[in-house]
C-alpha atoms as a PDB file:
ATOM      1  CA  MET A   1      71.037  82.306  51.975  1.00  0.00           C
ATOM      2  CA  ALA A   2      72.791  84.087  54.976  1.00  0.00           C
ATOM      3  CA  GLU A   3      76.302  83.662  53.429  1.00  0.00           C
ATOM      4  CA  PRO A   4      75.456  85.426  49.814  1.00  0.00           C
ATOM      5  CA  ALA A   5      73.396  88.196  51.501  1.00  0.00           C
ATOM      6  CA  GLY A   6      76.456  88.747  54.063  1.00  0.00           C
ATOM      7  CA  ALA A   7      79.015  88.667  51.017  1.00  0.00           C
ATOM      8  CA  LEU A   8      76.915  91.105  49.129  1.00  0.00           C
ATOM      9  CA  LEU A   9      76.564  93.250  51.931  1.00  0.00           C
ATOM     10  CA  GLY A  10      80.387  92.965  52.803  1.00  0.00           C
ATOM     11  CA  MET A  11      81.379  93.996  49.267  1.00  0.00           C
ATOM     12  CA  LEU A  12      79.139  96.923  49.053  1.00  0.00           C
ATOM     13  CA  VAL A  13      80.608  98.093  52.233  1.00  0.00           C
ATOM     14  CA  LEU A  14      84.302  97.285  51.589  1.00  0.00           C
ATOM     15  CA  ALA A  15      84.615  98.071  47.930  1.00  0.00           C
ATOM     16  CA  PRO A  16      85.842 101.487  48.089  1.00  0.00           C
ATOM     17  CA  PHE A  17      88.602 100.114  50.330  1.00  0.00           C
ATOM     18  CA  CYS A  18      89.526  97.163  48.400  1.00  0.00           C
ATOM     19  CA  SER A  19      92.868  97.080  46.674  1.00  0.00           C
ATOM     20  CA  PRO A  20      94.864  94.179  45.036  1.00  0.00           C
ATOM     21  CA  MET A  21      97.206  94.438  48.266  1.00  0.00           C
ATOM     22  CA  LEU A  22      94.383  94.402  50.804  1.00  0.00           C
ATOM     23  CA  LEU A  23      92.696  91.406  48.913  1.00  0.00           C
ATOM     24  CA  SER A  24      96.038  89.548  48.660  1.00  0.00           C
ATOM     25  CA  LEU A  25      96.605  90.026  52.475  1.00  0.00           C
ATOM     26  CA  SER A  26      93.139  88.952  53.415  1.00  0.00           C
ATOM     27  CA  PHE A  27      93.661  85.897  51.484  1.00  0.00           C
ATOM     28  CA  ALA A  28      97.084  85.149  53.101  1.00  0.00           C
ATOM     29  CA  PHE A  29      95.272  85.590  56.412  1.00  0.00           C
ATOM     30  CA  VAL A  30      92.527  83.379  55.539  1.00  0.00           C
ATOM     31  CA  ALA A  31      94.783  80.645  54.267  1.00  0.00           C
ATOM     32  CA  GLY A  32      96.837  80.830  57.364  1.00  0.00           C
ATOM     33  CA  ILE A  33      93.750  80.219  59.633  1.00  0.00           C
ATOM     34  CA  MET A  34      92.991  77.275  57.418  1.00  0.00           C
ATOM     35  CA  ILE A  35      96.246  75.724  57.930  1.00  0.00           C
ATOM     36  CA  PHE A  36      96.131  76.377  61.767  1.00  0.00           C
ATOM     37  CA  ILE A  37      92.659  74.648  61.789  1.00  0.00           C
ATOM     38  CA  SER A  38      94.132  71.645  59.655  1.00  0.00           C
ATOM     39  CA  PHE A  39      97.158  71.203  61.961  1.00  0.00           C
ATOM     40  CA  ASP A  40      95.595  71.943  65.305  1.00  0.00           C
ATOM     41  CA  GLU A  41      92.134  70.297  64.766  1.00  0.00           C
ATOM     42  CA  LEU A  42      92.076  67.898  61.933  1.00  0.00           C
ATOM     43  CA  LEU A  43      95.680  66.329  62.709  1.00  0.00           C
ATOM     44  CA  PRO A  44      94.999  65.095  66.116  1.00  0.00           C
ATOM     45  CA  LEU A  45      91.557  63.863  65.255  1.00  0.00           C
ATOM     46  CA  SER A  46      92.813  61.725  62.353  1.00  0.00           C
ATOM     47  CA  TYR A  47      95.410  60.319  64.572  1.00  0.00           C
ATOM     48  CA  GLU A  48      92.671  58.617  66.642  1.00  0.00           C
ATOM     49  CA  TYR A  49      91.585  56.685  63.322  1.00  0.00           C
ATOM     50  CA  ARG A  50      94.951  56.010  61.948  1.00  0.00           C
ATOM     51  CA  LYS A  51      98.109  55.792  64.104  1.00  0.00           C
ATOM     52  CA  ASN A  52     100.750  56.067  61.547  1.00  0.00           C
ATOM     53  CA  HIS A  53     102.298  58.934  59.578  1.00  0.00           C
ATOM     54  CA  ILE A  54     100.186  58.492  56.559  1.00  0.00           C
ATOM     55  CA  VAL A  55      97.973  61.355  57.838  1.00  0.00           C
ATOM     56  CA  VAL A  56     101.015  63.701  57.774  1.00  0.00           C
ATOM     57  CA  PHE A  57     101.761  62.610  54.222  1.00  0.00           C
ATOM     58  CA  GLY A  58      98.221  63.050  53.276  1.00  0.00           C
ATOM     59  CA  ILE A  59      98.189  66.767  54.477  1.00  0.00           C
ATOM     60  CA  ILE A  60     101.364  67.530  52.836  1.00  0.00           C
ATOM     61  CA  LEU A  61     100.337  65.894  49.732  1.00  0.00           C
ATOM     62  CA  GLY A  62      97.017  68.133  49.704  1.00  0.00           C
ATOM     63  CA  MET A  63      99.000  71.108  50.222  1.00  0.00           C
ATOM     64  CA  LEU A  64     101.290  70.321  47.202  1.00  0.00           C
ATOM     65  CA  VAL A  65      98.300  69.759  45.195  1.00  0.00           C
ATOM     66  CA  MET A  66      96.678  73.016  46.212  1.00  0.00           C
ATOM     67  CA  PHE A  67      99.894  74.751  45.476  1.00  0.00           C
ATOM     68  CA  ALA A  68     100.315  73.281  42.237  1.00  0.00           C
ATOM     69  CA  SER A  69      96.796  74.033  40.856  1.00  0.00           C
ATOM     70  CA  SER A  70      97.276  77.652  42.073  1.00  0.00           C
ATOM     71  CA  MET A  71     100.389  77.892  40.055  1.00  0.00           C
ATOM     72  CA  LEU A  72      98.972  76.174  36.960  1.00  0.00           C
ATOM     73  CA  LEU A  73      95.761  78.491  37.316  1.00  0.00           C
ATOM     74  CA  ASN A  74      98.114  81.757  37.657  1.00  0.00           C
ATOM     75  CA  ASN A  75      99.969  80.805  34.377  1.00  0.00           C
ATOM     76  CA  PHE A  76      96.928  79.751  32.428  1.00  0.00           C
ATOM     77  CA  MET A  77      95.290  83.235  33.431  1.00  0.00           C
ATOM     78  CA  LYS A  78      98.502  85.223  32.261  1.00  0.00           C
END
């Protein structure tokens, strides 16, 4: 219950300042953080269980799937 309440409070406080450019920049910032976490934390941990390069291919494939679904959704919404 804390996350929805925090999101509602954040929306009420930040709504006057929110613009499409600010929203795009914040999404890009969060995406960069997620990529950093993937490579810095999850990649070394996954190498403990699997010692070959299939781990890297899985991460790249996951990023490509997310990119493709984002592009398809963007084209579908237009």
